[in-house]
C-alpha cells in the first residue's frame, strides 16, 4: 500500500501519525479531560446534595411549623375553653347575686308593705275611734236637742 501513491501514502501516514499522535494525547488528555469533567461533576454532586439537604431541612421545618401551629391551636382552644368556663362561672355568680338581691328586695318590699298595712290599720282604728266619738257626740247633741225641745214644749 505504500507504493501505490505518494499522495495516498502521505494521507495514510498522516492519518497514522495523527492517529498515533491522538493516542498519545488521549492518554495525557484523559487525565486532563478527567480533571475538566471532575470539577463540574463534583459541583453537580455538591449542588444535588445541597438541594436534597435543603429539601430535607425544609421538610423538617414544615413539620416543626405544623407542630408549633398545632400547639398554638391547642393552647388557643384551651384558653378559649377556660375563658368560657370562667364566663359561665361569672354569669352563674352574677345570676346568684341578682337572685339574692331580688330576694332581699322582695323581703324588704314585704316588710315595707306590712309596715304600711299596720300603719293603715292604726289610722283606720284611730279614724273609727274619732268617728265613733263624733257619732257619740252627735247622738248626745241630738238627744240633748230633743230633750231641750221637749222641755220647751212642756213649758209651753
N, C-alpha and C. Protein backbone atom coordinates (compact mmCIF):
# COMPACT_ATOMS: atom_id res chain seq x y z
N UNK A 1 0.79 -1.17 0.00
CA UNK A 1 0.00 0.00 0.00
C UNK A 1 0.84 1.25 0.00
N UNK A 2 2.01 1.16 0.35
CA UNK A 2 2.88 2.31 0.37
C UNK A 2 3.29 2.70 -1.03
N UNK A 3 3.33 1.77 -1.93
CA UNK A 3 3.83 2.03 -3.25
C UNK A 3 2.79 2.57 -4.18
N UNK A 4 1.58 2.55 -3.87
CA UNK A 4 0.55 2.94 -4.79
C UNK A 4 0.61 4.40 -5.16
N UNK A 5 0.58 5.21 -4.17
CA UNK A 5 0.55 6.65 -4.48
C UNK A 5 1.19 7.39 -3.34
N UNK A 6 1.99 8.36 -3.75
CA UNK A 6 2.63 9.15 -2.72
C UNK A 6 1.59 9.98 -1.98
N UNK A 7 0.62 10.45 -2.67
CA UNK A 7 -0.42 11.26 -2.04
C UNK A 7 -1.23 10.40 -1.09
N UNK A 8 -1.52 9.18 -1.50
CA UNK A 8 -2.28 8.27 -0.66
C UNK A 8 -1.44 7.89 0.52
N UNK A 9 -0.14 7.65 0.23
CA UNK A 9 0.78 7.31 1.30
C UNK A 9 0.83 8.43 2.32
N UNK A 10 0.96 9.55 1.82
CA UNK A 10 1.03 10.70 2.72
C UNK A 10 -0.23 10.80 3.57
N UNK A 11 -1.33 10.62 2.96
CA UNK A 11 -2.56 10.68 3.70
C UNK A 11 -2.59 9.58 4.75
N UNK A 12 -2.14 8.38 4.27
CA UNK A 12 -2.14 7.26 5.17
C UNK A 12 -1.16 7.49 6.32
N UNK A 13 -0.02 7.99 6.00
CA UNK A 13 0.98 8.27 7.02
C UNK A 13 0.48 9.38 7.93
N UNK A 14 -0.06 10.40 7.32
CA UNK A 14 -0.61 11.48 8.14
C UNK A 14 -1.69 10.95 9.06
N UNK A 15 -2.52 10.11 8.50
CA UNK A 15 -3.59 9.54 9.31
C UNK A 15 -2.99 8.71 10.44
N UNK A 16 -2.03 7.94 10.10
CA UNK A 16 -1.38 7.10 11.09
C UNK A 16 -0.69 7.98 12.12
N UNK A 17 0.01 9.04 11.64
CA UNK A 17 0.68 9.95 12.57
C UNK A 17 -0.34 10.66 13.45
N UNK A 18 -1.38 11.10 12.84
CA UNK A 18 -2.42 11.81 13.60
C UNK A 18 -3.05 10.83 14.58
N UNK A 19 -3.27 9.62 14.12
CA UNK A 19 -3.90 8.63 14.98
C UNK A 19 -2.96 8.29 16.14
N UNK A 20 -1.69 8.12 15.78
CA UNK A 20 -0.71 7.82 16.82
C UNK A 20 -0.58 9.01 17.77
N UNK A 21 -0.56 10.18 17.19
CA UNK A 21 -0.46 11.41 17.99
C UNK A 21 -1.69 11.56 18.87
N UNK A 22 -2.91 11.26 18.36
CA UNK A 22 -4.15 11.34 19.14
C UNK A 22 -4.13 10.33 20.25
N UNK A 23 -3.56 9.19 20.00
CA UNK A 23 -3.49 8.18 21.05
C UNK A 23 -2.62 8.66 22.17
N UNK A 24 -1.55 9.32 21.88
CA UNK A 24 -0.67 9.87 22.92
C UNK A 24 -1.41 10.98 23.65
N UNK A 25 -2.08 11.82 22.90
CA UNK A 25 -2.84 12.90 23.54
C UNK A 25 -4.02 12.34 24.33
N UNK A 26 -4.53 11.26 23.87
CA UNK A 26 -5.66 10.68 24.55
C UNK A 26 -5.26 10.22 25.94
N UNK A 27 -4.15 9.62 26.11
CA UNK A 27 -3.72 9.18 27.43
C UNK A 27 -3.43 10.39 28.30
N UNK A 28 -2.70 11.37 27.75
CA UNK A 28 -2.46 12.60 28.50
C UNK A 28 -3.76 13.37 28.69
N UNK A 29 -4.48 13.43 27.60
CA UNK A 29 -5.73 14.18 27.61
C UNK A 29 -6.79 13.56 28.50
N UNK A 30 -6.68 12.24 28.68
CA UNK A 30 -7.65 11.59 29.54
C UNK A 30 -7.64 12.19 30.95
N UNK A 31 -6.43 12.35 31.46
CA UNK A 31 -6.33 12.94 32.80
C UNK A 31 -6.74 14.41 32.80
N UNK A 32 -6.37 15.08 31.69
CA UNK A 32 -6.79 16.48 31.56
C UNK A 32 -8.31 16.56 31.43
N UNK A 33 -8.87 15.69 30.59
CA UNK A 33 -10.32 15.65 30.42
C UNK A 33 -11.00 15.25 31.72
N UNK A 34 -10.40 14.27 32.39
CA UNK A 34 -10.93 13.85 33.69
C UNK A 34 -10.93 15.01 34.67
N UNK A 35 -9.84 15.78 34.67
CA UNK A 35 -9.77 16.97 35.54
C UNK A 35 -10.81 18.00 35.16
N UNK A 36 -11.03 18.18 33.85
CA UNK A 36 -12.03 19.14 33.41
C UNK A 36 -13.45 18.66 33.70
N UNK A 37 -13.70 17.39 33.63
CA UNK A 37 -15.02 16.84 33.90
C UNK A 37 -15.26 16.65 35.40
N UNK A 38 -14.20 16.41 36.12
CA UNK A 38 -14.34 16.13 37.54
C UNK A 38 -14.86 17.35 38.29
N UNK A 39 -14.39 18.52 38.01
CA UNK A 39 -14.85 19.73 38.71
C UNK A 39 -16.33 19.98 38.47
N UNK A 40 -16.84 19.99 37.22
CA UNK A 40 -18.28 20.16 37.05
C UNK A 40 -19.08 19.01 37.68
N UNK A 41 -18.55 17.79 37.58
CA UNK A 41 -19.23 16.66 38.18
C UNK A 41 -19.32 16.83 39.70
N UNK A 42 -18.23 17.22 40.32
CA UNK A 42 -18.25 17.46 41.77
C UNK A 42 -19.19 18.61 42.12
N UNK A 43 -19.19 19.67 41.29
CA UNK A 43 -20.11 20.78 41.53
C UNK A 43 -21.56 20.32 41.41
N UNK A 44 -21.84 19.49 40.41
CA UNK A 44 -23.20 18.97 40.25
C UNK A 44 -23.59 18.09 41.43
N UNK A 45 -22.66 17.22 41.85
CA UNK A 45 -22.94 16.35 43.00
C UNK A 45 -23.16 17.21 44.24
N UNK A 46 -22.32 18.21 44.43
CA UNK A 46 -22.47 19.12 45.58
C UNK A 46 -23.82 19.85 45.51
N UNK A 47 -24.19 20.32 44.31
CA UNK A 47 -25.46 21.04 44.14
C UNK A 47 -26.63 20.11 44.44
N UNK A 48 -26.60 18.91 43.93
CA UNK A 48 -27.68 17.95 44.17
C UNK A 48 -27.75 17.61 45.65
N UNK A 49 -26.58 17.39 46.25
CA UNK A 49 -26.55 17.07 47.69
C UNK A 49 -27.11 18.22 48.50
N UNK A 50 -26.70 19.44 48.19
CA UNK A 50 -27.20 20.63 48.91
C UNK A 50 -28.70 20.76 48.69
N UNK A 51 -29.15 20.53 47.45
CA UNK A 51 -30.59 20.63 47.14
C UNK A 51 -31.39 19.63 47.97
N UNK A 52 -30.93 18.39 48.00
CA UNK A 52 -31.64 17.38 48.81
C UNK A 52 -31.58 17.72 50.29
N UNK A 53 -30.45 18.23 50.72
CA UNK A 53 -30.31 18.62 52.13
C UNK A 53 -31.26 19.78 52.45
N UNK A 54 -31.35 20.75 51.54
CA UNK A 54 -32.27 21.87 51.76
C UNK A 54 -33.72 21.40 51.75
N UNK A 55 -34.04 20.49 50.85
CA UNK A 55 -35.39 19.93 50.83
C UNK A 55 -35.71 19.23 52.14
N UNK A 56 -34.74 18.47 52.61
CA UNK A 56 -34.92 17.77 53.88
C UNK A 56 -35.09 18.77 55.03
N UNK A 57 -34.26 19.80 55.04
CA UNK A 57 -34.38 20.83 56.07
C UNK A 57 -35.73 21.55 55.96
N UNK A 58 -36.16 21.83 54.74
CA UNK A 58 -37.47 22.46 54.53
C UNK A 58 -38.60 21.56 55.03
N UNK A 59 -38.48 20.27 54.73
CA UNK A 59 -39.48 19.32 55.21
C UNK A 59 -39.49 19.27 56.73
N UNK A 60 -38.33 19.23 57.33
CA UNK A 60 -38.24 19.23 58.80
C UNK A 60 -38.82 20.52 59.36
N UNK A 61 -38.51 21.64 58.71
CA UNK A 61 -39.03 22.94 59.17
C UNK A 61 -40.56 22.98 59.05
N UNK A 62 -41.10 22.44 57.94
CA UNK A 62 -42.56 22.39 57.78
C UNK A 62 -43.19 21.54 58.87
N UNK A 63 -42.57 20.40 59.15
CA UNK A 63 -43.09 19.53 60.22
C UNK A 63 -43.06 20.28 61.55
N UNK A 64 -41.95 20.96 61.82
CA UNK A 64 -41.82 21.73 63.06
C UNK A 64 -42.84 22.86 63.10
N UNK A 65 -43.03 23.55 61.97
CA UNK A 65 -44.03 24.63 61.91
C UNK A 65 -45.43 24.08 62.15
N UNK A 66 -45.73 22.92 61.56
CA UNK A 66 -47.04 22.31 61.78
C UNK A 66 -47.22 21.94 63.25
N UNK A 67 -46.16 21.39 63.85
CA UNK A 67 -46.24 21.01 65.25
C UNK A 67 -46.46 22.24 66.12
N UNK A 68 -45.71 23.31 65.83
CA UNK A 68 -45.89 24.55 66.59
C UNK A 68 -47.28 25.15 66.37
N UNK A 69 -47.76 25.09 65.13
CA UNK A 69 -49.10 25.61 64.85
C UNK A 69 -50.15 24.79 65.59
N UNK A 70 -49.97 23.46 65.63
CA UNK A 70 -50.90 22.61 66.37
C UNK A 70 -50.85 22.92 67.86
N UNK A 71 -49.64 23.13 68.39
CA UNK A 71 -49.52 23.50 69.80
C UNK A 71 -50.22 24.83 70.07
N UNK A 72 -50.01 25.79 69.18
CA UNK A 72 -50.63 27.10 69.35
C UNK A 72 -52.15 26.98 69.27
N UNK A 73 -52.63 26.18 68.33
CA UNK A 73 -54.07 25.97 68.20
C UNK A 73 -54.63 25.31 69.45
N UNK A 74 -53.90 24.33 69.97
CA UNK A 74 -54.33 23.65 71.19
C UNK A 74 -54.35 24.62 72.37
N UNK A 75 -53.32 25.46 72.47
CA UNK A 75 -53.28 26.47 73.54
C UNK A 75 -54.45 27.43 73.40
N UNK A 76 -54.72 27.86 72.16
CA UNK A 76 -55.85 28.76 71.93
C UNK A 76 -57.17 28.11 72.31
N UNK A 77 -57.31 26.82 71.96
CA UNK A 77 -58.52 26.09 72.35
C UNK A 77 -58.65 26.00 73.87
N UNK A 78 -57.54 25.70 74.53
CA UNK A 78 -57.56 25.61 75.99
C UNK A 78 -57.90 26.95 76.62
N UNK A 79 -57.30 28.01 76.09
CA UNK A 79 -57.59 29.36 76.61
C UNK A 79 -59.06 29.69 76.37
N UNK A 80 -59.56 29.35 75.18
CA UNK A 80 -60.96 29.62 74.86
C UNK A 80 -61.89 28.84 75.78
N UNK A 81 -61.58 27.55 75.99
CA UNK A 81 -62.40 26.75 76.90
C UNK A 81 -62.37 27.32 78.30
N UNK A 82 -61.17 27.68 78.78
CA UNK A 82 -61.03 28.24 80.12
C UNK A 82 -61.82 29.54 80.23
N UNK A 83 -61.75 30.36 79.18
CA UNK A 83 -62.49 31.63 79.19
C UNK A 83 -63.99 31.38 79.25
N UNK A 84 -64.47 30.38 78.48
CA UNK A 84 -65.90 30.05 78.53
C UNK A 84 -66.31 29.56 79.91
N UNK A 85 -65.45 28.74 80.54
CA UNK A 85 -65.75 28.24 81.89
C UNK A 85 -65.80 29.42 82.86
N UNK A 86 -64.81 30.30 82.76
CA UNK A 86 -64.79 31.47 83.65
C UNK A 86 -65.99 32.37 83.40
N UNK A 87 -66.35 32.57 82.13
CA UNK A 87 -67.52 33.39 81.81
C UNK A 87 -68.79 32.74 82.36
N UNK A 88 -68.89 31.41 82.23
CA UNK A 88 -70.06 30.70 82.74
C UNK A 88 -70.13 30.83 84.26
N UNK A 89 -68.98 30.67 84.94
CA UNK A 89 -68.96 30.82 86.39
C UNK A 89 -69.31 32.24 86.80
N UNK A 90 -68.78 33.21 86.07
CA UNK A 90 -69.09 34.60 86.36
C UNK A 90 -70.58 34.88 86.16
N UNK A 91 -71.14 34.33 85.08
CA UNK A 91 -72.58 34.51 84.82
C UNK A 91 -73.41 33.85 85.93
N UNK A 92 -72.99 32.65 86.36
CA UNK A 92 -73.70 31.98 87.45
C UNK A 92 -73.60 32.79 88.74
N UNK A 93 -72.40 33.30 89.03
CA UNK A 93 -72.23 34.14 90.22
C UNK A 93 -73.10 35.39 90.13
N UNK A 94 -73.13 36.00 88.95
CA UNK A 94 -73.93 37.21 88.75
C UNK A 94 -75.42 36.88 88.91
N UNK A 95 -75.84 35.74 88.34
CA UNK A 95 -77.23 35.31 88.46
C UNK A 95 -77.59 35.07 89.92
N UNK A 96 -76.69 34.41 90.64
CA UNK A 96 -76.93 34.15 92.06
C UNK A 96 -76.99 35.45 92.86
N UNK A 97 -76.08 36.35 92.53
CA UNK A 97 -76.09 37.66 93.20
C UNK A 97 -77.39 38.41 92.89
N UNK A 98 -77.81 38.39 91.63
CA UNK A 98 -79.06 39.04 91.25
C UNK A 98 -80.25 38.40 91.98
N UNK A 99 -80.21 37.07 92.09
CA UNK A 99 -81.28 36.36 92.80
C UNK A 99 -81.30 36.77 94.27
N UNK A 100 -80.12 36.86 94.89
CA UNK A 100 -80.05 37.28 96.29
C UNK A 100 -80.56 38.71 96.46
N UNK A 101 -80.16 39.58 95.55
CA UNK A 101 -80.63 40.97 95.61
C UNK A 101 -82.14 41.01 95.44
N UNK A 102 -82.64 40.21 94.49
CA UNK A 102 -84.09 40.16 94.25
C UNK A 102 -84.83 39.65 95.49
N UNK A 103 -84.28 38.61 96.12
CA UNK A 103 -84.91 38.08 97.35
C UNK A 103 -84.89 39.13 98.46
N UNK A 104 -83.75 39.79 98.61
CA UNK A 104 -83.65 40.83 99.62
C UNK A 104 -84.63 41.96 99.33
N UNK A 105 -84.74 42.34 98.06
CA UNK A 105 -85.66 43.42 97.68
C UNK A 105 -87.11 42.99 97.95
N UNK A 106 -87.41 41.73 97.60
CA UNK A 106 -88.76 41.22 97.84
C UNK A 106 -89.06 41.20 99.35
N UNK A 107 -88.08 40.75 100.16
CA UNK A 107 -88.27 40.75 101.61
C UNK A 107 -88.45 42.16 102.14
N UNK A 108 -87.66 43.09 101.62
CA UNK A 108 -87.77 44.50 102.03
C UNK A 108 -89.14 45.04 101.63
N UNK A 109 -89.58 44.73 100.41
CA UNK A 109 -90.89 45.19 99.94
C UNK A 109 -92.01 44.61 100.81
N UNK A 110 -91.87 43.31 101.18
CA UNK A 110 -92.88 42.69 102.06
C UNK A 110 -92.90 43.40 103.42
N UNK A 111 -91.74 43.67 103.97
CA UNK A 111 -91.66 44.32 105.27
C UNK A 111 -92.29 45.72 105.20
N UNK A 112 -91.94 46.46 104.11
CA UNK A 112 -92.50 47.81 103.94
C UNK A 112 -94.02 47.72 103.79
N UNK A 113 -94.50 46.73 103.01
CA UNK A 113 -95.94 46.58 102.81
C UNK A 113 -96.62 46.23 104.14
N UNK A 114 -95.99 45.36 104.91
CA UNK A 114 -96.56 45.01 106.21
C UNK A 114 -96.59 46.22 107.14
N UNK A 115 -95.52 47.01 107.13
CA UNK A 115 -95.48 48.23 107.95
C UNK A 115 -96.57 49.21 107.49
N UNK A 116 -96.75 49.32 106.18
CA UNK A 116 -97.77 50.21 105.64
C UNK A 116 -99.17 49.73 106.04
N UNK A 117 -99.40 48.39 105.96
CA UNK A 117 -100.69 47.84 106.38
C UNK A 117 -100.95 48.13 107.87
N UNK A 118 -99.93 47.91 108.69
CA UNK A 118 -100.09 48.19 110.12
C UNK A 118 -100.40 49.67 110.36
N UNK A 119 -99.70 50.51 109.64
CA UNK A 119 -99.93 51.96 109.76
C UNK A 119 -101.35 52.29 109.31
N UNK A 120 -101.75 51.70 108.15
CA UNK A 120 -103.10 51.94 107.65
C UNK A 120 -104.15 51.43 108.65
N UNK A 121 -103.91 50.25 109.24
CA UNK A 121 -104.84 49.72 110.25
C UNK A 121 -104.94 50.67 111.46
N UNK A 122 -103.78 51.14 111.88
CA UNK A 122 -103.76 52.06 113.02
C UNK A 122 -104.52 53.34 112.70
N UNK A 123 -104.28 53.88 111.48
CA UNK A 123 -105.01 55.09 111.07
C UNK A 123 -106.50 54.80 111.00
N UNK A 124 -106.85 53.62 110.45
CA UNK A 124 -108.27 53.27 110.34
C UNK A 124 -108.88 53.13 111.73
N UNK A 125 -108.14 52.50 112.65
CA UNK A 125 -108.66 52.34 114.02
C UNK A 125 -108.83 53.70 114.68
N UNK A 126 -107.84 54.57 114.50
CA UNK A 126 -107.95 55.91 115.08
C UNK A 126 -109.12 56.67 114.47
N UNK A 127 -109.28 56.50 113.14
CA UNK A 127 -110.39 57.19 112.47
C UNK A 127 -111.72 56.65 112.98
N UNK A 128 -111.82 55.31 113.15
CA UNK A 128 -113.04 54.73 113.69
C UNK A 128 -113.32 55.28 115.10
N UNK A 129 -112.26 55.36 115.89
CA UNK A 129 -112.45 55.90 117.25
C UNK A 129 -112.95 57.33 117.18
N UNK A 130 -112.32 58.11 116.30
CA UNK A 130 -112.74 59.51 116.15
C UNK A 130 -114.17 59.54 115.62
N UNK A 131 -114.46 58.72 114.62
CA UNK A 131 -115.82 58.68 114.05
C UNK A 131 -116.83 58.23 115.12
N UNK A 132 -116.44 57.20 115.89
CA UNK A 132 -117.33 56.73 116.95
C UNK A 132 -117.55 57.85 117.99
N UNK A 133 -116.48 58.52 118.33
CA UNK A 133 -116.59 59.62 119.29
C UNK A 133 -117.45 60.73 118.73
N UNK A 134 -117.24 61.07 117.47
CA UNK A 134 -118.07 62.11 116.83
C UNK A 134 -119.53 61.67 116.75
N UNK A 135 -119.72 60.39 116.44
CA UNK A 135 -121.10 59.88 116.36
C UNK A 135 -121.74 59.94 117.74
N UNK A 136 -120.96 59.58 118.76
CA UNK A 136 -121.50 59.63 120.12
C UNK A 136 -121.80 61.06 120.51
N UNK A 137 -120.92 61.95 120.17
CA UNK A 137 -121.15 63.38 120.49
C UNK A 137 -122.39 63.84 119.75
N UNK A 138 -122.49 63.47 118.49
CA UNK A 138 -123.65 63.90 117.70
C UNK A 138 -124.94 63.30 118.27
N UNK A 139 -124.90 62.06 118.67
CA UNK A 139 -126.09 61.45 119.27
C UNK A 139 -126.47 62.19 120.57
N UNK A 140 -125.43 62.45 121.35
CA UNK A 140 -125.71 63.17 122.59
C UNK A 140 -126.27 64.56 122.30
N UNK A 141 -125.68 65.19 121.29
CA UNK A 141 -126.19 66.53 120.96
C UNK A 141 -127.62 66.42 120.43
N UNK A 142 -127.89 65.43 119.62
CA UNK A 142 -129.24 65.25 119.10
C UNK A 142 -130.19 64.94 120.25
N UNK A 143 -129.79 64.08 121.14
CA UNK A 143 -130.61 63.76 122.29
C UNK A 143 -130.84 65.00 123.17
N UNK A 144 -129.72 65.73 123.39
CA UNK A 144 -129.86 66.96 124.18
C UNK A 144 -130.79 67.95 123.47
N UNK A 145 -130.69 68.00 122.20
CA UNK A 145 -131.53 68.90 121.42
C UNK A 145 -132.99 68.48 121.57
N UNK A 146 -133.26 67.22 121.48
CA UNK A 146 -134.62 66.74 121.61
C UNK A 146 -135.14 67.01 123.04
N UNK A 147 -134.27 66.73 123.96
CA UNK A 147 -134.67 66.99 125.35
C UNK A 147 -134.97 68.47 125.54
N UNK A 148 -134.18 69.26 125.00
CA UNK A 148 -134.40 70.70 125.12
C UNK A 148 -135.71 71.08 124.43
N UNK A 149 -135.96 70.51 123.28
CA UNK A 149 -137.21 70.82 122.55
C UNK A 149 -138.41 70.28 123.35
N UNK A 150 -138.24 69.11 123.95
CA UNK A 150 -139.30 68.53 124.74
C UNK A 150 -139.56 69.44 125.97
N UNK A 151 -138.52 69.88 126.56
CA UNK A 151 -138.64 70.77 127.72
C UNK A 151 -139.33 72.05 127.31
N UNK A 152 -138.98 72.55 126.22
CA UNK A 152 -139.60 73.80 125.75
C UNK A 152 -141.06 73.51 125.45
N UNK A 153 -141.39 72.41 124.88
CA UNK A 153 -142.76 72.07 124.55
C UNK A 153 -143.56 71.88 125.84
N UNK A 154 -142.97 71.34 126.80
CA UNK A 154 -143.69 71.09 128.06
C UNK A 154 -143.87 72.39 128.82
N UNK A 155 -143.01 73.22 128.68
CA UNK A 155 -143.14 74.52 129.36
C UNK A 155 -144.16 75.36 128.63
N UNK A 156 -144.45 75.18 127.69
CA UNK A 156 -145.43 75.96 126.99
C UNK A 156 -146.73 75.55 127.31
